[in-house]
Amino acid sequence: MQDSFDATTLIFLALAVFVIWRLRSVLGQKTGTERSPFRPVERNRTEPPAGRGEGDNVVRLPGADRSPAGAAAVQTAARDWRGIAEPGSAVARGLEQVVQLEPAFEPRAFLEGAKGAYETIVTAFAKGDRKTLRALLSREVCEGFERAISEREKRNETAETTFISIDKAEIAAVEVKNRAAQITVRFLSNLITATRDADGKVIDGNAETGVEVPDVWTFARTLGSRDPNWQLVATDAGA
């Protein structure tokens, strides 16, 4: 009886660990053009930073079987770029470089994680949530966001952002130097965004009507490192 109880307990513990690991494998999988709310911090680009702790960055890669057979299966799936990149394009060549160094990389899962990160960061910026931003951004980008928040607070202004949808998220560029990878994602979202003055009057945006907002963000990671996370290292307003 005791042996049976111990075996059952071990099975349930293993299942619990597996479920938690899968939930953490990708961050936030959520499914008239207005200017981006991030214009004050455009083009803050840095090299992939080192020394950040586990879970401090953005866009977790999905886990994968590390056995040779499992790695080969993941690599075969990752090389199917249909719907992600045109065959022979610069993006496709860049993705090939990423997969060579990181066989577990899967671009579709990466984009789902990028969308979740995008929504989390946009919302945190509007709320002035510095703690969340510090956990998700490179130091340089975070400093730009915090400056914009501080300036807004000095003017006694508040920002409101409500997501209606993310209509597009596509990989626009991939760069790999040695093991340092940067993947640029072009977003098109539909947001309700407004800025209010100290009296609550809307002075920018529209508090009732959604608008299309284009953004171009770059995520970076050192491929092959123990930390599976990607970090936002650059922002730019889309065309």
C-alpha atoms as a PDB file:
ATOM      1  CA  MET A   1       0.000   0.000   0.000  1.00  0.00           C
ATOM      2  CA  GLN A   2       2.774   2.442   0.902  1.00  0.00           C
ATOM      3  CA  ASP A   3       4.685   1.665  -2.326  1.00  0.00           C
ATOM      4  CA  SER A   4       1.528   2.318  -4.385  1.00  0.00           C
ATOM      5  CA  PHE A   5       0.908   5.615  -2.599  1.00  0.00           C
ATOM      6  CA  ASP A   6       4.493   6.758  -3.197  1.00  0.00           C
ATOM      7  CA  ALA A   7       4.336   5.912  -6.900  1.00  0.00           C
ATOM      8  CA  THR A   8       1.040   7.766  -7.321  1.00  0.00           C
ATOM      9  CA  THR A   9       2.412  10.793  -5.504  1.00  0.00           C
ATOM     10  CA  LEU A  10       5.478  10.866  -7.741  1.00  0.00           C
ATOM     11  CA  ILE A  11       3.312  10.700 -10.862  1.00  0.00           C
ATOM     12  CA  PHE A  12       1.171  13.657  -9.764  1.00  0.00           C
ATOM     13  CA  LEU A  13       4.254  15.660  -8.797  1.00  0.00           C
ATOM     14  CA  ALA A  14       5.775  15.019 -12.230  1.00  0.00           C
ATOM     15  CA  LEU A  15       2.547  16.120 -13.934  1.00  0.00           C
ATOM     16  CA  ALA A  16       2.427  19.309 -11.842  1.00  0.00           C
ATOM     17  CA  VAL A  17       6.022  20.204 -12.747  1.00  0.00           C
ATOM     18  CA  PHE A  18       5.277  19.587 -16.446  1.00  0.00           C
ATOM     19  CA  VAL A  19       2.174  21.821 -16.417  1.00  0.00           C
ATOM     20  CA  ILE A  20       4.011  24.670 -14.672  1.00  0.00           C
ATOM     21  CA  TRP A  21       6.904  24.391 -17.149  1.00  0.00           C
ATOM     22  CA  ARG A  22       4.545  24.581 -20.130  1.00  0.00           C
ATOM     23  CA  LEU A  23       2.707  27.599 -18.725  1.00  0.00           C
ATOM     24  CA  ARG A  24       6.004  29.439 -18.363  1.00  0.00           C
ATOM     25  CA  SER A  25       7.340  28.368 -21.762  1.00  0.00           C
ATOM     26  CA  VAL A  26       5.841  31.314 -23.654  1.00  0.00           C
ATOM     27  CA  LEU A  27       5.052  34.679 -22.111  1.00  0.00           C
ATOM     28  CA  GLY A  28       1.410  35.742 -22.286  1.00  0.00           C
ATOM     29  CA  GLN A  29       0.139  33.968 -25.396  1.00  0.00           C
ATOM     30  CA  LYS A  30      -2.713  36.265 -26.267  1.00  0.00           C
ATOM     31  CA  THR A  31      -4.254  36.472 -29.109  1.00  0.00           C
ATOM     32  CA  GLY A  32      -7.054  55.760 -38.922  1.00  0.00           C
ATOM     33  CA  THR A  33      -3.286  55.126 -37.936  1.00  0.00           C
ATOM     34  CA  GLU A  34      -2.238  56.765 -34.675  1.00  0.00           C
ATOM     35  CA  ARG A  35       1.285  57.546 -33.524  1.00  0.00           C
ATOM     36  CA  SER A  36       2.898  55.069 -31.190  1.00  0.00           C
ATOM     37  CA  PRO A  37       2.727  55.758 -27.436  1.00  0.00           C
ATOM     38  CA  PHE A  38       6.458  54.951 -27.350  1.00  0.00           C
ATOM     39  CA  ARG A  39       7.761  57.781 -29.519  1.00  0.00           C
ATOM     40  CA  PRO A  40       9.725  59.330 -26.590  1.00  0.00           C
ATOM     41  CA  VAL A  41      12.004  56.281 -26.527  1.00  0.00           C
ATOM     42  CA  GLU A  42      12.444  55.426 -30.205  1.00  0.00           C
ATOM     43  CA  ARG A  43      15.491  53.547 -31.420  1.00  0.00           C
ATOM     44  CA  ASN A  44      17.015  52.689 -28.077  1.00  0.00           C
ATOM     45  CA  ARG A  45      19.202  49.843 -29.355  1.00  0.00           C
ATOM     46  CA  THR A  46      21.774  47.945 -27.344  1.00  0.00           C
ATOM     47  CA  GLU A  47      23.697  44.699 -27.623  1.00  0.00           C
ATOM     48  CA  PRO A  48      22.147  41.725 -25.811  1.00  0.00           C
ATOM     49  CA  PRO A  49      22.878  42.363 -22.130  1.00  0.00           C
ATOM     50  CA  ALA A  50      24.540  39.872 -19.846  1.00  0.00           C
ATOM     51  CA  GLY A  51      24.033  39.081 -16.215  1.00  0.00           C
ATOM     52  CA  ARG A  52      20.242  39.337 -15.951  1.00  0.00           C
ATOM     53  CA  GLY A  53      18.644  36.640 -13.818  1.00  0.00           C
ATOM     54  CA  GLU A  54      16.330  33.844 -14.894  1.00  0.00           C
ATOM     55  CA  GLY A  55      12.836  35.165 -15.624  1.00  0.00           C
ATOM     56  CA  ASP A  56      13.901  38.824 -15.817  1.00  0.00           C
ATOM     57  CA  ASN A  57      13.555  39.294 -19.564  1.00  0.00           C
ATOM     58  CA  VAL A  58      11.038  38.892 -22.352  1.00  0.00           C
ATOM     59  CA  VAL A  59       9.626  36.204 -24.648  1.00  0.00           C
ATOM     60  CA  ARG A  60      10.515  32.768 -23.379  1.00  0.00           C
ATOM     61  CA  LEU A  61      11.393  30.153 -25.969  1.00  0.00           C
ATOM     62  CA  PRO A  62       9.332  26.977 -25.851  1.00  0.00           C
ATOM     63  CA  GLY A  63      10.968  24.012 -24.140  1.00  0.00           C
ATOM     64  CA  ALA A  64      12.107  21.071 -26.200  1.00  0.00           C
ATOM     65  CA  ASP A  65      13.338  17.504 -25.877  1.00  0.00           C
ATOM     66  CA  ARG A  66      17.102  17.814 -25.624  1.00  0.00           C
ATOM     67  CA  SER A  67      17.760  14.298 -26.928  1.00  0.00           C
ATOM     68  CA  PRO A  68      19.280  14.126 -30.464  1.00  0.00           C
ATOM     69  CA  ALA A  69      16.025  12.761 -31.919  1.00  0.00           C
ATOM     70  CA  GLY A  70      13.950  15.452 -30.216  1.00  0.00           C
ATOM     71  CA  ALA A  71      16.313  18.230 -31.333  1.00  0.00           C
ATOM     72  CA  ALA A  72      16.177  16.980 -34.920  1.00  0.00           C
ATOM     73  CA  ALA A  73      12.365  16.969 -34.887  1.00  0.00           C
ATOM     74  CA  VAL A  74      12.232  20.536 -33.527  1.00  0.00           C
ATOM     75  CA  GLN A  75      14.791  21.675 -36.092  1.00  0.00           C
ATOM     76  CA  THR A  76      12.759  20.176 -38.953  1.00  0.00           C
ATOM     77  CA  ALA A  77       9.611  21.983 -37.785  1.00  0.00           C
ATOM     78  CA  ALA A  78      11.449  25.270 -37.246  1.00  0.00           C
ATOM     79  CA  ARG A  79      12.766  25.225 -40.833  1.00  0.00           C
ATOM     80  CA  ASP A  80       9.249  25.348 -42.221  1.00  0.00           C
ATOM     81  CA  TRP A  81       9.093  29.128 -42.710  1.00  0.00           C
ATOM     82  CA  ARG A  82       5.738  29.215 -44.513  1.00  0.00           C
ATOM     83  CA  GLY A  83       3.753  32.164 -43.220  1.00  0.00           C
ATOM     84  CA  ILE A  84       6.834  33.489 -41.411  1.00  0.00           C
ATOM     85  CA  ALA A  85       9.385  34.369 -44.102  1.00  0.00           C
ATOM     86  CA  GLU A  86       9.723  34.138 -47.868  1.00  0.00           C
ATOM     87  CA  PRO A  87      12.108  31.382 -49.010  1.00  0.00           C
ATOM     88  CA  GLY A  88      15.578  32.785 -49.641  1.00  0.00           C
ATOM     89  CA  SER A  89      14.792  36.116 -47.975  1.00  0.00           C
ATOM     90  CA  ALA A  90      17.069  37.844 -45.479  1.00  0.00           C
ATOM     91  CA  VAL A  91      14.639  36.933 -42.688  1.00  0.00           C
ATOM     92  CA  ALA A  92      14.672  33.251 -43.707  1.00  0.00           C
ATOM     93  CA  ARG A  93      18.472  33.224 -43.795  1.00  0.00           C
ATOM     94  CA  GLY A  94      18.584  34.868 -40.381  1.00  0.00           C
ATOM     95  CA  LEU A  95      16.174  32.315 -38.938  1.00  0.00           C
ATOM     96  CA  GLU A  96      18.356  29.522 -40.320  1.00  0.00           C
ATOM     97  CA  GLN A  97      21.296  30.996 -38.411  1.00  0.00           C
ATOM     98  CA  VAL A  98      19.243  31.126 -35.219  1.00  0.00           C
ATOM     99  CA  VAL A  99      18.132  27.490 -35.573  1.00  0.00           C
ATOM    100  CA  GLN A 100      21.689  26.340 -36.213  1.00  0.00           C
ATOM    101  CA  LEU A 101      22.715  27.773 -32.851  1.00  0.00           C
ATOM    102  CA  GLU A 102      19.409  27.121 -31.043  1.00  0.00           C
ATOM    103  CA  PRO A 103      17.683  24.004 -32.468  1.00  0.00           C
ATOM    104  CA  ALA A 104      14.727  24.448 -30.084  1.00  0.00           C
ATOM    105  CA  PHE A 105      13.825  27.842 -31.571  1.00  0.00           C
ATOM    106  CA  GLU A 106      10.337  27.976 -33.119  1.00  0.00           C
ATOM    107  CA  PRO A 107       9.404  31.301 -34.753  1.00  0.00           C
ATOM    108  CA  ARG A 108       5.639  30.925 -34.358  1.00  0.00           C
ATOM    109  CA  ALA A 109       5.978  30.419 -30.612  1.00  0.00           C
ATOM    110  CA  PHE A 110       8.411  33.331 -30.520  1.00  0.00           C
ATOM    111  CA  LEU A 111       5.825  35.605 -32.152  1.00  0.00           C
ATOM    112  CA  GLU A 112       3.145  34.515 -29.683  1.00  0.00           C
ATOM    113  CA  GLY A 113       5.494  35.379 -26.843  1.00  0.00           C
ATOM    114  CA  ALA A 114       6.380  38.694 -28.490  1.00  0.00           C
ATOM    115  CA  LYS A 115       2.698  39.629 -28.683  1.00  0.00           C
ATOM    116  CA  GLY A 116       2.237  38.858 -25.019  1.00  0.00           C
ATOM    117  CA  ALA A 117       5.304  40.916 -24.140  1.00  0.00           C
ATOM    118  CA  TYR A 118       4.096  43.798 -26.313  1.00  0.00           C
ATOM    119  CA  GLU A 119       0.731  43.988 -24.576  1.00  0.00           C
ATOM    120  CA  THR A 120       2.297  43.683 -21.110  1.00  0.00           C
ATOM    121  CA  ILE A 121       4.838  46.454 -21.760  1.00  0.00           C
ATOM    122  CA  VAL A 122       2.345  48.832 -23.414  1.00  0.00           C
ATOM    123  CA  THR A 123      -0.022  48.430 -20.468  1.00  0.00           C
ATOM    124  CA  ALA A 124       2.752  48.839 -17.884  1.00  0.00           C
ATOM    125  CA  PHE A 125       3.981  52.019 -19.592  1.00  0.00           C
ATOM    126  CA  ALA A 126       0.501  53.552 -19.522  1.00  0.00           C
ATOM    127  CA  LYS A 127       0.103  52.685 -15.825  1.00  0.00           C
ATOM    128  CA  GLY A 128       3.585  53.902 -14.935  1.00  0.00           C
ATOM    129  CA  ASP A 129       4.419  50.438 -13.630  1.00  0.00           C
ATOM    130  CA  ARG A 130       8.186  50.786 -13.349  1.00  0.00           C
ATOM    131  CA  LYS A 131       8.650  47.449 -11.592  1.00  0.00           C
ATOM    132  CA  THR A 132       7.175  45.498 -14.486  1.00  0.00           C
ATOM    133  CA  LEU A 133       9.140  47.499 -17.046  1.00  0.00           C
ATOM    134  CA  ARG A 134      12.442  46.914 -15.256  1.00  0.00           C
ATOM    135  CA  ALA A 135      11.830  43.181 -15.388  1.00  0.00           C
ATOM    136  CA  LEU A 136      11.107  43.174 -19.129  1.00  0.00           C
ATOM    137  CA  LEU A 137      13.408  45.742 -20.763  1.00  0.00           C
ATOM    138  CA  SER A 138      17.094  46.265 -21.302  1.00  0.00           C
ATOM    139  CA  ARG A 139      18.594  48.929 -19.043  1.00  0.00           C
ATOM    140  CA  GLU A 140      18.841  51.560 -21.778  1.00  0.00           C
ATOM    141  CA  VAL A 141      15.284  51.084 -23.051  1.00  0.00           C
ATOM    142  CA  CYS A 142      13.942  51.016 -19.502  1.00  0.00           C
ATOM    143  CA  GLU A 143      15.645  54.328 -18.728  1.00  0.00           C
ATOM    144  CA  GLY A 144      13.903  55.885 -21.730  1.00  0.00           C
ATOM    145  CA  PHE A 145      10.518  54.579 -20.641  1.00  0.00           C
ATOM    146  CA  GLU A 146      11.043  55.768 -17.075  1.00  0.00           C
ATOM    147  CA  ARG A 147      12.047  59.251 -18.254  1.00  0.00           C
ATOM    148  CA  ALA A 148       8.849  59.509 -20.272  1.00  0.00           C
ATOM    149  CA  ILE A 149       6.799  58.358 -17.261  1.00  0.00           C
ATOM    150  CA  SER A 150       8.549  60.867 -14.954  1.00  0.00           C
ATOM    151  CA  GLU A 151       7.925  63.734 -17.381  1.00  0.00           C
ATOM    152  CA  ARG A 152       4.271  62.749 -17.600  1.00  0.00           C
ATOM    153  CA  GLU A 153       3.999  62.680 -13.808  1.00  0.00           C
ATOM    154  CA  LYS A 154       5.636  66.112 -13.491  1.00  0.00           C
ATOM    155  CA  ARG A 155       2.916  67.506 -15.736  1.00  0.00           C
ATOM    156  CA  ASN A 156       0.276  65.754 -13.573  1.00  0.00           C
ATOM    157  CA  GLU A 157      -0.896  63.808 -16.590  1.00  0.00           C
ATOM    158  CA  THR A 158      -2.207  60.260 -16.685  1.00  0.00           C
ATOM    159  CA  ALA A 159      -2.255  57.799 -19.567  1.00  0.00           C
ATOM    160  CA  GLU A 160      -4.936  55.252 -20.406  1.00  0.00           C
ATOM    161  CA  THR A 161      -4.466  52.332 -22.778  1.00  0.00           C
ATOM    162  CA  THR A 162      -6.938  49.559 -23.571  1.00  0.00           C
ATOM    163  CA  PHE A 163      -6.089  46.775 -26.008  1.00  0.00           C
ATOM    164  CA  ILE A 164      -8.730  45.885 -28.564  1.00  0.00           C
ATOM    165  CA  SER A 165      -6.554  43.552 -30.620  1.00  0.00           C
ATOM    166  CA  ILE A 166      -3.122  42.871 -32.042  1.00  0.00           C
ATOM    167  CA  ASP A 167      -3.891  42.590 -35.736  1.00  0.00           C
ATOM    168  CA  LYS A 168      -0.404  41.794 -36.976  1.00  0.00           C
ATOM    169  CA  ALA A 169       2.896  40.573 -35.580  1.00  0.00           C
ATOM    170  CA  GLU A 170       5.516  39.642 -38.150  1.00  0.00           C
ATOM    171  CA  ILE A 171       9.274  39.157 -38.114  1.00  0.00           C
ATOM    172  CA  ALA A 172      10.808  42.047 -40.045  1.00  0.00           C
ATOM    173  CA  ALA A 173      14.519  41.345 -39.560  1.00  0.00           C
ATOM    174  CA  VAL A 174      16.908  38.870 -37.966  1.00  0.00           C
ATOM    175  CA  GLU A 175      20.546  39.583 -37.140  1.00  0.00           C
ATOM    176  CA  VAL A 176      23.026  37.100 -35.699  1.00  0.00           C
ATOM    177  CA  LYS A 177      26.593  38.059 -34.770  1.00  0.00           C
ATOM    178  CA  ASN A 178      28.542  35.249 -33.192  1.00  0.00           C
ATOM    179  CA  ARG A 179      25.861  34.055 -30.727  1.00  0.00           C
ATOM    180  CA  ALA A 180      24.168  37.428 -30.210  1.00  0.00           C
ATOM    181  CA  ALA A 181      20.778  37.393 -31.948  1.00  0.00           C
ATOM    182  CA  GLN A 182      18.369  40.274 -32.511  1.00  0.00           C
ATOM    183  CA  ILE A 183      14.899  39.713 -33.948  1.00  0.00           C
ATOM    184  CA  THR A 184      12.825  42.694 -35.011  1.00  0.00           C
ATOM    185  CA  VAL A 185       9.039  42.350 -34.925  1.00  0.00           C
ATOM    186  CA  ARG A 186       6.578  44.663 -36.671  1.00  0.00           C
ATOM    187  CA  PHE A 187       3.300  45.041 -34.761  1.00  0.00           C
ATOM    188  CA  LEU A 188      -0.011  46.549 -35.793  1.00  0.00           C
ATOM    189  CA  SER A 189      -2.403  46.887 -32.866  1.00  0.00           C
ATOM    190  CA  ASN A 190      -5.798  48.422 -32.290  1.00  0.00           C
ATOM    191  CA  LEU A 191      -5.800  50.479 -29.089  1.00  0.00           C
ATOM    192  CA  ILE A 192      -7.902  52.930 -27.190  1.00  0.00           C
ATOM    193  CA  THR A 193      -5.306  55.364 -25.875  1.00  0.00           C
ATOM    194  CA  ALA A 194      -5.651  58.769 -24.264  1.00  0.00           C
ATOM    195  CA  THR A 195      -3.717  61.180 -22.059  1.00  0.00           C
ATOM    196  CA  ARG A 196      -5.541  63.280 -19.464  1.00  0.00           C
ATOM    197  CA  ASP A 197      -4.428  66.446 -17.691  1.00  0.00           C
ATOM    198  CA  ALA A 198      -4.679  67.097 -13.945  1.00  0.00           C
ATOM    199  CA  ASP A 199      -8.383  67.956 -14.338  1.00  0.00           C
ATOM    200  CA  GLY A 200      -9.157  64.702 -16.157  1.00  0.00           C
ATOM    201  CA  LYS A 201      -9.560  66.363 -19.552  1.00  0.00           C
ATOM    202  CA  VAL A 202      -8.356  64.378 -22.574  1.00  0.00           C
ATOM    203  CA  ILE A 203      -5.462  66.321 -24.116  1.00  0.00           C
ATOM    204  CA  ASP A 204      -4.140  63.629 -26.463  1.00  0.00           C
ATOM    205  CA  GLY A 205      -5.714  60.602 -28.114  1.00  0.00           C
ATOM    206  CA  ASN A 206      -9.313  59.459 -27.728  1.00  0.00           C
ATOM    207  CA  ALA A 207     -10.775  57.774 -24.669  1.00  0.00           C
ATOM    208  CA  GLU A 208     -13.611  56.118 -26.589  1.00  0.00           C
ATOM    209  CA  THR A 209     -12.419  55.235 -30.084  1.00  0.00           C
ATOM    210  CA  GLY A 210      -9.796  52.668 -31.029  1.00  0.00           C
ATOM    211  CA  VAL A 211      -7.004  53.516 -33.451  1.00  0.00           C
ATOM    212  CA  GLU A 212      -4.410  51.479 -35.348  1.00  0.00           C
ATOM    213  CA  VAL A 213      -0.942  51.815 -33.834  1.00  0.00           C
ATOM    214  CA  PRO A 214       2.161  50.513 -35.661  1.00  0.00           C
ATOM    215  CA  ASP A 215       5.305  49.671 -33.714  1.00  0.00           C
ATOM    216  CA  VAL A 216       8.620  48.024 -34.527  1.00  0.00           C
ATOM    217  CA  TRP A 217      10.379  46.358 -31.590  1.00  0.00           C
ATOM    218  CA  THR A 218      13.640  44.437 -31.405  1.00  0.00           C
ATOM    219  CA  PHE A 219      14.268  41.561 -28.993  1.00  0.00           C
ATOM    220  CA  ALA A 220      17.728  40.172 -28.232  1.00  0.00           C
ATOM    221  CA  ARG A 221      19.270  37.099 -26.695  1.00  0.00           C
ATOM    222  CA  THR A 222      22.606  35.300 -26.547  1.00  0.00           C
ATOM    223  CA  LEU A 223      21.872  31.989 -28.264  1.00  0.00           C
ATOM    224  CA  GLY A 224      22.951  28.865 -26.448  1.00  0.00           C
ATOM    225  CA  SER A 225      22.958  30.577 -23.072  1.00  0.00           C
ATOM    226  CA  ARG A 226      21.272  28.977 -20.066  1.00  0.00           C
ATOM    227  CA  ASP A 227      18.818  31.873 -19.827  1.00  0.00           C
ATOM    228  CA  PRO A 228      16.019  31.103 -22.347  1.00  0.00           C
ATOM    229  CA  ASN A 229      14.545  34.611 -22.277  1.00  0.00           C
ATOM    230  CA  TRP A 230      14.557  37.365 -24.885  1.00  0.00           C
ATOM    231  CA  GLN A 231      14.804  41.030 -23.869  1.00  0.00           C
ATOM    232  CA  LEU A 232      13.404  44.161 -25.515  1.00  0.00           C
ATOM    233  CA  VAL A 233      16.416  46.219 -26.628  1.00  0.00           C
ATOM    234  CA  ALA A 234      14.933  48.661 -29.175  1.00  0.00           C
ATOM    235  CA  THR A 235      11.636  50.389 -29.953  1.00  0.00           C
ATOM    236  CA  ASP A 236      10.586  52.358 -32.991  1.00  0.00           C
ATOM    237  CA  ALA A 237       7.310  53.759 -34.254  1.00  0.00           C
ATOM    238  CA  GLY A 238       6.120  51.928 -37.356  1.00  0.00           C
ATOM    239  CA  ALA A 239       5.597  53.687 -40.654  1.00  0.00           C
END
